[in-house]
Structures are given as C-alpha cells and as structure tokens.
Amino acid sequence: MLYICAKYDQDNKISFPYDSDEYWEVVEWIVWMQSGIGPMQGQANHFYRYAPTKIDYAINRYQTETKRLYSVLEDRLKEQEAKSQGLWLVGGKYTIADLCCFSWVNWAEWAIGREWTQNEFPKKFPKTYEWMQTIAKRPAVEKGCNIPEKFEMKEAMKTKEGEEEYAKHHSNWVMKGQEAEQQTHK
C-alpha cells in the first residue's frame, strides 16, 4: 500500500507526503493492522470457522484479542473526533490506514459471530461501527469488495441459516486447500 501510494498517489488523496508526521502515523496504523488486528482476527477466523476440531480456549483467546484491538481502534476514533479530525485514523481524511484496517474489521461477523456483531458491536464500539459503515458505503469500496466476485458474506450473515450455509461452503474450501498444500509440502 505504501508503495502504491508513493507511485500513484502523487497528490496525496489517500496518503500524506513522505516523512511528514501524518505519513508516519499512517505507517504506524498499517503496522498495527499487519501485526495486530490481521493476525489476531485471522486466528479468530481460523479457530471459529475452519478448524475441524473446535477448541474453546483458542476461539475465546482470539475473539477476545480481536475485541480488545477493536477497542484500540475505538479509542483512536474517539480521540480523532475530540481533536476535530473527523471519523478517520490519521490527519482528518480517509487514508490507506483506514482502508487497511477496514479490510479486517469489515469481516467482524466472520471472526466473532453474527449475533455479537449485530447486537454488541454497535453498542461497544459505536465509533468503529460508524467508521466501518461509512467506509463500506464509499462507491470505490463497494466496487472493490465485489472484485473478483460479488462479496456475499454480509448478506449471508443476516440470518442464522445464511451464516451456516456460508460457513459450511467456505470451511470446505479452506480444508480442501489445506489438504492440497499438505500433499505438496510433505
């Protein structure tokens, strides 16, 4: 993302000039995403959705850590609002930091579950929920979420039946891929 912005975002529409304070804040949030929310929510996804044996300790551990990281995001968004920086992570504008972090938070239902996300997420993390909804409604984000194919998770997660069907299909897909990799790397 940093490379793409350096190469193609010369006007700094979704970034900041190199070596500015805001540039380094964006880097901090990208690193936070890459080393925090990404791996923790990824593990929550795996143990909650894909692992053939459900291990309560692992599910609880990674779902709890994902929620803790959502609270970090919530605190930052509240801080930004208090400084009149709007609903953005850095510098009062939508940047690649927002887009990178959104890419994980947008899958909250998958990592933590439909009921929690529908009922508790908006109450416990109202700024993060508003931030997520605002980004999701951006035309370019809507378009990007549907490439290379239509993004169906949000619609499927509206009902218990949809959640179960979506989970079954994707769990089978992941397990088949894992089996193929195990054969390749024996």
N, C-alpha and C. Protein backbone atom coordinates (compact mmCIF):
# COMPACT_ATOMS: atom_id res chain seq x y z
N MET A 1 0.83 -1.19 0.00
CA MET A 1 0.00 0.00 0.00
C MET A 1 0.87 1.25 0.00
N LEU A 2 1.93 1.22 0.80
CA LEU A 2 2.83 2.38 0.81
C LEU A 2 3.48 2.58 -0.55
N TYR A 3 3.89 1.49 -1.17
CA TYR A 3 4.49 1.57 -2.50
C TYR A 3 3.50 2.12 -3.52
N ILE A 4 2.29 1.59 -3.50
CA ILE A 4 1.28 2.04 -4.46
C ILE A 4 0.99 3.52 -4.28
N CYS A 5 0.89 3.96 -3.04
CA CYS A 5 0.64 5.39 -2.81
C CYS A 5 1.84 6.23 -3.25
N ALA A 6 3.05 5.77 -2.95
CA ALA A 6 4.24 6.52 -3.36
C ALA A 6 4.31 6.63 -4.88
N LYS A 7 3.91 5.58 -5.56
CA LYS A 7 4.00 5.53 -7.02
C LYS A 7 2.83 6.24 -7.71
N TYR A 8 1.61 6.07 -7.18
CA TYR A 8 0.43 6.52 -7.92
C TYR A 8 -0.42 7.58 -7.22
N ASP A 9 -0.17 7.87 -5.97
CA ASP A 9 -0.96 8.88 -5.25
C ASP A 9 -0.11 10.14 -5.04
N GLN A 10 0.39 10.68 -6.12
CA GLN A 10 1.27 11.86 -6.07
C GLN A 10 0.58 13.07 -5.44
N ASP A 11 -0.74 13.14 -5.55
CA ASP A 11 -1.50 14.26 -4.97
C ASP A 11 -1.88 14.00 -3.52
N ASN A 12 -1.48 12.87 -2.97
CA ASN A 12 -1.76 12.51 -1.59
C ASN A 12 -3.26 12.55 -1.25
N LYS A 13 -4.06 11.97 -2.14
CA LYS A 13 -5.50 11.91 -1.89
C LYS A 13 -5.83 10.94 -0.76
N ILE A 14 -5.09 9.83 -0.68
CA ILE A 14 -5.34 8.85 0.39
C ILE A 14 -4.06 8.58 1.19
N SER A 15 -3.13 9.50 1.12
CA SER A 15 -1.87 9.36 1.85
C SER A 15 -1.39 10.76 2.24
N PHE A 16 -0.16 10.83 2.72
CA PHE A 16 0.45 12.10 3.09
C PHE A 16 1.86 12.15 2.52
N PRO A 17 2.42 13.34 2.39
CA PRO A 17 3.78 13.44 1.87
C PRO A 17 4.77 12.65 2.71
N TYR A 18 5.71 12.02 2.03
CA TYR A 18 6.72 11.21 2.71
C TYR A 18 7.42 12.03 3.79
N ASP A 19 7.62 11.40 4.92
CA ASP A 19 8.35 11.91 6.08
C ASP A 19 7.60 12.99 6.86
N SER A 20 6.35 13.26 6.50
CA SER A 20 5.54 14.16 7.34
C SER A 20 5.10 13.37 8.58
N ASP A 21 4.69 14.09 9.60
CA ASP A 21 4.20 13.41 10.80
C ASP A 21 3.03 12.49 10.48
N GLU A 22 2.15 12.96 9.60
CA GLU A 22 0.98 12.16 9.23
C GLU A 22 1.38 10.90 8.46
N TYR A 23 2.40 11.02 7.61
CA TYR A 23 2.89 9.85 6.88
C TYR A 23 3.27 8.75 7.87
N TRP A 24 4.03 9.12 8.90
CA TRP A 24 4.48 8.12 9.87
C TRP A 24 3.35 7.60 10.73
N GLU A 25 2.33 8.42 10.98
CA GLU A 25 1.16 7.92 11.70
C GLU A 25 0.43 6.87 10.85
N VAL A 26 0.33 7.12 9.55
CA VAL A 26 -0.27 6.13 8.65
C VAL A 26 0.53 4.84 8.72
N VAL A 27 1.85 4.94 8.67
CA VAL A 27 2.70 3.74 8.77
C VAL A 27 2.43 3.01 10.08
N GLU A 28 2.31 3.74 11.18
CA GLU A 28 2.01 3.12 12.48
C GLU A 28 0.73 2.30 12.42
N TRP A 29 -0.32 2.85 11.79
CA TRP A 29 -1.59 2.14 11.72
C TRP A 29 -1.54 0.96 10.78
N ILE A 30 -0.77 1.07 9.71
CA ILE A 30 -0.61 -0.08 8.82
C ILE A 30 0.14 -1.20 9.54
N VAL A 31 1.18 -0.84 10.29
CA VAL A 31 1.92 -1.84 11.07
C VAL A 31 1.01 -2.44 12.15
N TRP A 32 0.19 -1.61 12.79
CA TRP A 32 -0.77 -2.12 13.79
C TRP A 32 -1.71 -3.14 13.14
N MET A 33 -2.19 -2.82 11.94
CA MET A 33 -3.07 -3.75 11.24
C MET A 33 -2.32 -5.05 10.92
N GLN A 34 -1.11 -4.90 10.40
CA GLN A 34 -0.34 -6.06 9.95
C GLN A 34 0.13 -6.96 11.10
N SER A 35 0.40 -6.34 12.25
CA SER A 35 0.93 -7.14 13.37
C SER A 35 -0.08 -7.36 14.48
N GLY A 36 -1.21 -6.68 14.42
CA GLY A 36 -2.22 -6.80 15.47
C GLY A 36 -3.52 -7.39 14.98
N ILE A 37 -4.36 -6.53 14.42
CA ILE A 37 -5.71 -6.97 14.04
C ILE A 37 -5.68 -8.07 12.99
N GLY A 38 -4.75 -8.00 12.04
CA GLY A 38 -4.67 -9.04 11.00
C GLY A 38 -4.42 -10.43 11.56
N PRO A 39 -3.30 -10.62 12.26
CA PRO A 39 -3.03 -11.96 12.78
C PRO A 39 -4.04 -12.44 13.84
N MET A 40 -4.47 -11.53 14.71
CA MET A 40 -5.38 -11.96 15.78
C MET A 40 -6.76 -12.30 15.21
N GLN A 41 -7.29 -11.44 14.34
CA GLN A 41 -8.59 -11.74 13.76
C GLN A 41 -8.47 -12.92 12.79
N GLY A 42 -7.34 -13.04 12.13
CA GLY A 42 -7.12 -14.20 11.27
C GLY A 42 -7.19 -15.50 12.06
N GLN A 43 -6.59 -15.51 13.24
CA GLN A 43 -6.66 -16.70 14.09
C GLN A 43 -8.08 -16.93 14.60
N ALA A 44 -8.78 -15.84 14.93
CA ALA A 44 -10.18 -15.97 15.35
C ALA A 44 -10.98 -16.61 14.22
N ASN A 45 -10.76 -16.13 12.98
CA ASN A 45 -11.43 -16.73 11.83
C ASN A 45 -11.14 -18.22 11.76
N HIS A 46 -9.86 -18.56 11.86
CA HIS A 46 -9.47 -19.96 11.69
C HIS A 46 -10.10 -20.86 12.74
N PHE A 47 -9.92 -20.53 14.01
CA PHE A 47 -10.40 -21.43 15.06
C PHE A 47 -11.92 -21.44 15.18
N TYR A 48 -12.56 -20.32 14.87
CA TYR A 48 -14.02 -20.25 14.96
C TYR A 48 -14.70 -20.87 13.74
N ARG A 49 -14.11 -20.69 12.57
CA ARG A 49 -14.79 -21.11 11.34
C ARG A 49 -14.20 -22.34 10.66
N TYR A 50 -12.90 -22.51 10.69
CA TYR A 50 -12.28 -23.51 9.83
C TYR A 50 -11.72 -24.73 10.55
N ALA A 51 -11.24 -24.57 11.75
CA ALA A 51 -10.59 -25.69 12.43
C ALA A 51 -11.55 -26.87 12.54
N PRO A 52 -11.12 -28.06 12.12
CA PRO A 52 -12.02 -29.21 12.16
C PRO A 52 -12.38 -29.62 13.59
N THR A 53 -11.51 -29.32 14.54
CA THR A 53 -11.79 -29.57 15.95
C THR A 53 -11.94 -28.22 16.63
N LYS A 54 -13.08 -27.99 17.23
CA LYS A 54 -13.33 -26.72 17.91
C LYS A 54 -12.64 -26.73 19.27
N ILE A 55 -11.76 -25.78 19.46
CA ILE A 55 -11.01 -25.64 20.70
C ILE A 55 -11.48 -24.35 21.36
N ASP A 56 -12.28 -24.48 22.41
CA ASP A 56 -12.87 -23.31 23.05
C ASP A 56 -11.81 -22.31 23.50
N TYR A 57 -10.72 -22.80 24.08
CA TYR A 57 -9.66 -21.90 24.52
C TYR A 57 -9.17 -21.02 23.37
N ALA A 58 -8.88 -21.62 22.23
CA ALA A 58 -8.36 -20.87 21.08
C ALA A 58 -9.41 -19.89 20.54
N ILE A 59 -10.64 -20.33 20.43
CA ILE A 59 -11.71 -19.45 19.94
C ILE A 59 -11.84 -18.24 20.87
N ASN A 60 -11.96 -18.50 22.17
CA ASN A 60 -12.11 -17.41 23.13
C ASN A 60 -10.90 -16.49 23.15
N ARG A 61 -9.72 -17.07 23.09
CA ARG A 61 -8.48 -16.29 23.11
C ARG A 61 -8.43 -15.29 21.97
N TYR A 62 -8.66 -15.75 20.76
CA TYR A 62 -8.52 -14.88 19.60
C TYR A 62 -9.71 -13.97 19.38
N GLN A 63 -10.90 -14.40 19.75
CA GLN A 63 -12.04 -13.49 19.67
C GLN A 63 -11.90 -12.37 20.69
N THR A 64 -11.43 -12.69 21.89
CA THR A 64 -11.23 -11.67 22.92
C THR A 64 -10.15 -10.69 22.50
N GLU A 65 -9.07 -11.18 21.95
CA GLU A 65 -8.00 -10.28 21.50
C GLU A 65 -8.47 -9.42 20.33
N THR A 66 -9.29 -9.95 19.45
CA THR A 66 -9.85 -9.15 18.36
C THR A 66 -10.70 -8.03 18.92
N LYS A 67 -11.53 -8.33 19.89
CA LYS A 67 -12.36 -7.29 20.51
C LYS A 67 -11.49 -6.25 21.22
N ARG A 68 -10.42 -6.68 21.86
CA ARG A 68 -9.51 -5.72 22.51
C ARG A 68 -8.92 -4.78 21.46
N LEU A 69 -8.55 -5.32 20.33
CA LEU A 69 -8.00 -4.50 19.26
C LEU A 69 -9.06 -3.56 18.68
N TYR A 70 -10.31 -4.01 18.63
CA TYR A 70 -11.38 -3.10 18.23
C TYR A 70 -11.48 -1.93 19.21
N SER A 71 -11.22 -2.20 20.50
CA SER A 71 -11.28 -1.11 21.49
C SER A 71 -10.13 -0.12 21.26
N VAL A 72 -8.98 -0.57 20.79
CA VAL A 72 -7.88 0.34 20.43
C VAL A 72 -8.34 1.24 19.29
N LEU A 73 -8.95 0.66 18.30
CA LEU A 73 -9.48 1.41 17.17
C LEU A 73 -10.55 2.40 17.63
N GLU A 74 -11.43 1.96 18.49
CA GLU A 74 -12.49 2.81 19.03
C GLU A 74 -11.89 4.02 19.76
N ASP A 75 -10.89 3.77 20.60
CA ASP A 75 -10.25 4.86 21.34
C ASP A 75 -9.61 5.86 20.38
N ARG A 76 -8.97 5.38 19.34
CA ARG A 76 -8.35 6.27 18.37
C ARG A 76 -9.39 7.12 17.66
N LEU A 77 -10.48 6.51 17.24
CA LEU A 77 -11.51 7.27 16.53
C LEU A 77 -12.15 8.32 17.44
N LYS A 78 -12.35 7.99 18.70
CA LYS A 78 -12.88 8.97 19.66
C LYS A 78 -11.88 10.11 19.84
N GLU A 79 -10.61 9.77 19.94
CA GLU A 79 -9.55 10.77 20.09
C GLU A 79 -9.52 11.71 18.88
N GLN A 80 -9.63 11.13 17.70
CA GLN A 80 -9.62 11.93 16.47
C GLN A 80 -10.83 12.87 16.43
N GLU A 81 -11.97 12.36 16.82
CA GLU A 81 -13.18 13.19 16.85
C GLU A 81 -13.01 14.35 17.83
N ALA A 82 -12.44 14.07 19.00
CA ALA A 82 -12.22 15.11 20.00
C ALA A 82 -11.26 16.20 19.50
N LYS A 83 -10.37 15.84 18.60
CA LYS A 83 -9.43 16.80 18.02
C LYS A 83 -9.95 17.38 16.70
N SER A 84 -11.24 17.18 16.43
CA SER A 84 -11.88 17.66 15.19
C SER A 84 -11.20 17.10 13.94
N GLN A 85 -10.77 15.85 14.02
CA GLN A 85 -10.15 15.18 12.88
C GLN A 85 -11.14 14.28 12.14
N GLY A 86 -12.39 14.35 12.52
CA GLY A 86 -13.40 13.55 11.84
C GLY A 86 -13.33 12.08 12.21
N LEU A 87 -13.88 11.27 11.36
CA LEU A 87 -14.00 9.84 11.61
C LEU A 87 -12.88 9.07 10.92
N TRP A 88 -11.65 9.57 10.99
CA TRP A 88 -10.54 8.95 10.28
C TRP A 88 -9.37 8.73 11.23
N LEU A 89 -8.56 7.74 10.93
CA LEU A 89 -7.45 7.38 11.81
C LEU A 89 -6.34 8.42 11.84
N VAL A 90 -6.08 9.07 10.72
CA VAL A 90 -4.94 9.99 10.64
C VAL A 90 -5.31 11.23 9.83
N GLY A 91 -4.95 12.39 10.37
CA GLY A 91 -4.95 13.63 9.61
C GLY A 91 -6.27 14.14 9.09
N GLY A 92 -7.38 13.68 9.63
CA GLY A 92 -8.67 14.22 9.24
C GLY A 92 -9.15 13.85 7.86
N LYS A 93 -8.58 12.78 7.27
CA LYS A 93 -9.07 12.34 5.97
C LYS A 93 -8.95 10.82 5.84
N TYR A 94 -9.73 10.29 4.94
CA TYR A 94 -9.70 8.86 4.62
C TYR A 94 -8.36 8.54 3.96
N THR A 95 -7.65 7.56 4.54
CA THR A 95 -6.33 7.20 4.01
C THR A 95 -6.21 5.68 3.87
N ILE A 96 -5.04 5.27 3.39
CA ILE A 96 -4.78 3.85 3.29
C ILE A 96 -4.78 3.17 4.65
N ALA A 97 -4.53 3.93 5.72
CA ALA A 97 -4.62 3.35 7.07
C ALA A 97 -6.05 2.90 7.35
N ASP A 98 -7.00 3.74 7.01
CA ASP A 98 -8.42 3.37 7.19
C ASP A 98 -8.78 2.17 6.34
N LEU A 99 -8.36 2.21 5.09
CA LEU A 99 -8.69 1.12 4.17
C LEU A 99 -8.09 -0.21 4.63
N CYS A 100 -6.83 -0.19 5.06
CA CYS A 100 -6.18 -1.43 5.52
C CYS A 100 -6.89 -2.00 6.75
N CYS A 101 -7.17 -1.15 7.72
CA CYS A 101 -7.83 -1.63 8.94
C CYS A 101 -9.27 -2.07 8.66
N PHE A 102 -9.97 -1.32 7.82
CA PHE A 102 -11.33 -1.68 7.42
C PHE A 102 -11.37 -3.09 6.82
N SER A 103 -10.35 -3.44 6.05
CA SER A 103 -10.33 -4.74 5.38
C SER A 103 -10.47 -5.89 6.36
N TRP A 104 -10.04 -5.70 7.58
CA TRP A 104 -10.24 -6.73 8.62
C TRP A 104 -11.55 -6.53 9.37
N VAL A 105 -11.79 -5.32 9.84
CA VAL A 105 -12.97 -5.07 10.67
C VAL A 105 -14.26 -5.37 9.90
N ASN A 106 -14.24 -5.20 8.60
CA ASN A 106 -15.40 -5.50 7.78
C ASN A 106 -15.81 -6.97 7.87
N TRP A 107 -14.93 -7.82 8.34
CA TRP A 107 -15.21 -9.26 8.50
C TRP A 107 -15.50 -9.64 9.96
N ALA A 108 -15.93 -8.69 10.76
CA ALA A 108 -16.20 -8.96 12.18
C ALA A 108 -17.15 -10.12 12.38
N GLU A 109 -18.19 -10.19 11.56
CA GLU A 109 -19.18 -11.27 11.71
C GLU A 109 -18.51 -12.64 11.56
N TRP A 110 -17.58 -12.72 10.67
CA TRP A 110 -16.92 -13.99 10.38
C TRP A 110 -16.03 -14.42 11.54
N ALA A 111 -15.37 -13.46 12.14
CA ALA A 111 -14.42 -13.77 13.22
C ALA A 111 -15.10 -13.97 14.57
N ILE A 112 -16.17 -13.24 14.82
CA ILE A 112 -16.74 -13.24 16.16
C ILE A 112 -18.16 -13.78 16.19
N GLY A 113 -18.82 -13.73 15.07
CA GLY A 113 -20.17 -14.28 15.01
C GLY A 113 -21.22 -13.25 14.68
N ARG A 114 -22.23 -13.70 14.02
CA ARG A 114 -23.32 -12.85 13.54
C ARG A 114 -24.04 -12.15 14.68
N GLU A 115 -24.44 -12.89 15.70
CA GLU A 115 -25.25 -12.29 16.76
C GLU A 115 -24.48 -11.22 17.52
N TRP A 116 -23.22 -11.49 17.87
CA TRP A 116 -22.42 -10.49 18.58
C TRP A 116 -22.25 -9.24 17.73
N THR A 117 -21.95 -9.44 16.46
CA THR A 117 -21.70 -8.30 15.58
C THR A 117 -22.96 -7.47 15.38
N GLN A 118 -24.10 -8.11 15.26
CA GLN A 118 -25.35 -7.37 15.07
C GLN A 118 -25.79 -6.67 16.34
N ASN A 119 -25.57 -7.29 17.50
CA ASN A 119 -26.12 -6.76 18.75
C ASN A 119 -25.11 -5.99 19.60
N GLU A 120 -23.94 -6.53 19.79
CA GLU A 120 -22.97 -5.93 20.71
C GLU A 120 -22.01 -4.96 20.05
N PHE A 121 -21.58 -5.26 18.85
CA PHE A 121 -20.57 -4.42 18.18
C PHE A 121 -21.00 -2.94 18.13
N PRO A 122 -22.22 -2.62 17.65
CA PRO A 122 -22.61 -1.20 17.58
C PRO A 122 -22.67 -0.52 18.95
N LYS A 123 -22.97 -1.28 20.01
CA LYS A 123 -23.05 -0.70 21.36
C LYS A 123 -21.67 -0.50 21.97
N LYS A 124 -20.82 -1.50 21.85
CA LYS A 124 -19.50 -1.45 22.50
C LYS A 124 -18.51 -0.59 21.73
N PHE A 125 -18.66 -0.54 20.42
CA PHE A 125 -17.71 0.19 19.58
C PHE A 125 -18.47 1.08 18.60
N PRO A 126 -19.21 2.07 19.10
CA PRO A 126 -20.06 2.87 18.21
C PRO A 126 -19.28 3.66 17.15
N LYS A 127 -18.15 4.21 17.50
CA LYS A 127 -17.36 4.97 16.52
C LYS A 127 -16.78 4.04 15.47
N THR A 128 -16.30 2.89 15.90
CA THR A 128 -15.74 1.92 14.96
C THR A 128 -16.83 1.40 14.04
N TYR A 129 -18.00 1.17 14.58
CA TYR A 129 -19.12 0.70 13.77
C TYR A 129 -19.51 1.77 12.74
N GLU A 130 -19.60 3.01 13.17
CA GLU A 130 -19.92 4.11 12.25
C GLU A 130 -18.83 4.26 11.18
N TRP A 131 -17.58 4.19 11.61
CA TRP A 131 -16.43 4.27 10.69
C TRP A 131 -16.52 3.16 9.64
N MET A 132 -16.78 1.94 10.09
CA MET A 132 -16.89 0.79 9.18
C MET A 132 -18.03 1.00 8.18
N GLN A 133 -19.19 1.42 8.66
CA GLN A 133 -20.34 1.65 7.79
C GLN A 133 -20.06 2.76 6.78
N THR A 134 -19.39 3.82 7.24
CA THR A 134 -19.07 4.94 6.36
C THR A 134 -18.13 4.50 5.24
N ILE A 135 -17.12 3.74 5.58
CA ILE A 135 -16.17 3.26 4.56
C ILE A 135 -16.87 2.29 3.61
N ALA A 136 -17.67 1.40 4.15
CA ALA A 136 -18.35 0.39 3.32
C ALA A 136 -19.25 1.03 2.27
N LYS A 137 -19.77 2.22 2.55
CA LYS A 137 -20.69 2.90 1.63
C LYS A 137 -19.97 3.71 0.55
N ARG A 138 -18.67 3.82 0.64
CA ARG A 138 -17.93 4.55 -0.39
C ARG A 138 -18.03 3.78 -1.71
N PRO A 139 -18.40 4.43 -2.80
CA PRO A 139 -18.57 3.72 -4.07
C PRO A 139 -17.35 2.88 -4.49
N ALA A 140 -16.16 3.42 -4.33
CA ALA A 140 -14.96 2.65 -4.73
C ALA A 140 -14.77 1.43 -3.85
N VAL A 141 -15.12 1.53 -2.57
CA VAL A 141 -15.00 0.38 -1.66
C VAL A 141 -16.06 -0.66 -2.02
N GLU A 142 -17.27 -0.22 -2.27
CA GLU A 142 -18.32 -1.16 -2.70
C GLU A 142 -17.88 -1.90 -3.95
N LYS A 143 -17.34 -1.18 -4.89
CA LYS A 143 -16.88 -1.80 -6.14
C LYS A 143 -15.73 -2.77 -5.86
N GLY A 144 -14.76 -2.32 -5.07
CA GLY A 144 -13.59 -3.16 -4.77
C GLY A 144 -13.93 -4.42 -4.00
N CYS A 145 -14.91 -4.34 -3.12
CA CYS A 145 -15.31 -5.52 -2.35
C CYS A 145 -15.95 -6.59 -3.23
N ASN A 146 -16.38 -6.22 -4.40
CA ASN A 146 -17.03 -7.17 -5.31
C ASN A 146 -16.12 -7.64 -6.43
N ILE A 147 -14.82 -7.51 -6.22
CA ILE A 147 -13.83 -7.98 -7.21
C ILE A 147 -12.96 -9.02 -6.51
N PRO A 148 -12.71 -10.17 -7.03
CA PRO A 148 -13.03 -10.63 -8.37
C PRO A 148 -14.45 -11.19 -8.49
N GLU A 149 -15.13 -11.36 -7.36
CA GLU A 149 -16.52 -11.83 -7.42
C GLU A 149 -17.33 -11.10 -6.35
N LYS A 150 -18.62 -11.20 -6.43
CA LYS A 150 -19.51 -10.50 -5.51
C LYS A 150 -19.23 -10.92 -4.06
N PHE A 151 -19.14 -9.92 -3.18
CA PHE A 151 -18.90 -10.13 -1.75
C PHE A 151 -20.24 -10.47 -1.10
N GLU A 152 -20.42 -11.74 -0.74
CA GLU A 152 -21.72 -12.21 -0.27
C GLU A 152 -21.80 -12.45 1.24
N MET A 153 -20.68 -12.32 1.94
CA MET A 153 -20.67 -12.63 3.36
C MET A 153 -21.67 -11.79 4.16
N LYS A 154 -21.70 -10.50 3.94
CA LYS A 154 -22.58 -9.62 4.72
C LYS A 154 -24.05 -10.03 4.57
N GLU A 155 -24.46 -10.32 3.37
CA GLU A 155 -25.84 -10.73 3.12
C GLU A 155 -26.11 -12.09 3.77
N ALA A 156 -25.20 -13.02 3.61
CA ALA A 156 -25.37 -14.36 4.19
C ALA A 156 -25.47 -14.30 5.71
N MET A 157 -24.74 -13.39 6.33
CA MET A 157 -24.69 -13.32 7.78
C MET A 157 -25.91 -12.66 8.41
N LYS A 158 -26.85 -12.25 7.63
CA LYS A 158 -28.06 -11.64 8.17
C LYS A 158 -28.97 -12.64 8.86
N THR A 159 -28.85 -13.92 8.50
CA THR A 159 -29.68 -14.95 9.13
C THR A 159 -28.79 -16.10 9.61
N LYS A 160 -29.29 -16.84 10.57
CA LYS A 160 -28.56 -18.00 11.08
C LYS A 160 -28.36 -19.03 9.98
N GLU A 161 -29.39 -19.24 9.16
CA GLU A 161 -29.30 -20.22 8.08
C GLU A 161 -28.25 -19.79 7.05
N GLY A 162 -28.26 -18.50 6.72
CA GLY A 162 -27.28 -17.97 5.76
C GLY A 162 -25.86 -18.10 6.29
N GLU A 163 -25.71 -17.82 7.58
CA GLU A 163 -24.40 -17.95 8.23
C GLU A 163 -23.91 -19.40 8.15
N GLU A 164 -24.78 -20.34 8.48
CA GLU A 164 -24.39 -21.75 8.48
C GLU A 164 -24.02 -22.23 7.08
N GLU A 165 -24.79 -21.83 6.09
CA GLU A 165 -24.51 -22.24 4.71
C GLU A 165 -23.19 -21.64 4.21
N TYR A 166 -23.00 -20.37 4.48
CA TYR A 166 -21.78 -19.68 4.06
C TYR A 166 -20.56 -20.32 4.76
N ALA A 167 -20.71 -20.59 6.05
CA ALA A 167 -19.62 -21.19 6.83
C ALA A 167 -19.27 -22.58 6.31
N LYS A 168 -20.27 -23.38 6.02
CA LYS A 168 -20.03 -24.73 5.53
C LYS A 168 -19.27 -24.70 4.20
N HIS A 169 -19.74 -23.88 3.29
CA HIS A 169 -19.10 -23.77 1.97
C HIS A 169 -17.64 -23.34 2.10
N HIS A 170 -17.40 -22.29 2.87
CA HIS A 170 -16.05 -21.74 2.95
C HIS A 170 -15.12 -22.61 3.80
N SER A 171 -15.66 -23.26 4.78
CA SER A 171 -14.83 -24.18 5.57
C SER A 171 -14.37 -25.34 4.70
N ASN A 172 -15.27 -25.88 3.90
CA ASN A 172 -14.89 -26.97 2.97
C ASN A 172 -13.81 -26.50 2.00
N TRP A 173 -13.96 -25.29 1.49
CA TRP A 173 -12.99 -24.72 0.55
C TRP A 173 -11.61 -24.60 1.21
N VAL A 174 -11.57 -24.10 2.44
CA VAL A 174 -10.30 -23.94 3.15
C VAL A 174 -9.67 -25.30 3.45
N MET A 175 -10.47 -26.25 3.89
CA MET A 175 -9.94 -27.57 4.24
C MET A 175 -9.39 -28.28 3.00
N LYS A 176 -10.04 -28.16 1.86
CA LYS A 176 -9.53 -28.77 0.62
C LYS A 176 -8.20 -28.14 0.23
N GLY A 177 -8.10 -26.82 0.37
CA GLY A 177 -6.84 -26.13 0.08
C GLY A 177 -5.73 -26.56 1.02
N GLN A 178 -6.06 -26.74 2.28
CA GLN A 178 -5.08 -27.17 3.27
C GLN A 178 -4.59 -28.58 2.95
N GLU A 179 -5.50 -29.46 2.59
CA GLU A 179 -5.12 -30.84 2.23
C GLU A 179 -4.20 -30.84 1.02
N ALA A 180 -4.50 -30.01 0.03
CA ALA A 180 -3.65 -29.95 -1.17
C ALA A 180 -2.26 -29.44 -0.80
N GLU A 181 -2.18 -28.45 0.07
CA GLU A 181 -0.87 -27.93 0.49
C GLU A 181 -0.09 -28.97 1.28
N GLN A 182 -0.77 -29.73 2.10
CA GLN A 182 -0.09 -30.78 2.86
C GLN A 182 0.50 -31.82 1.94
N GLN A 183 -0.19 -32.14 0.87
CA GLN A 183 0.34 -33.10 -0.10
C GLN A 183 1.55 -32.52 -0.83
N THR A 184 1.49 -31.25 -1.16
CA THR A 184 2.58 -30.59 -1.87
C THR A 184 3.84 -30.47 -1.02
N HIS A 185 3.66 -30.25 0.27
CA HIS A 185 4.81 -29.95 1.15
C HIS A 185 5.09 -31.06 2.16
N LYS A 186 4.92 -32.30 1.74
CA LYS A 186 5.21 -33.44 2.62
C LYS A 186 6.68 -33.52 2.92
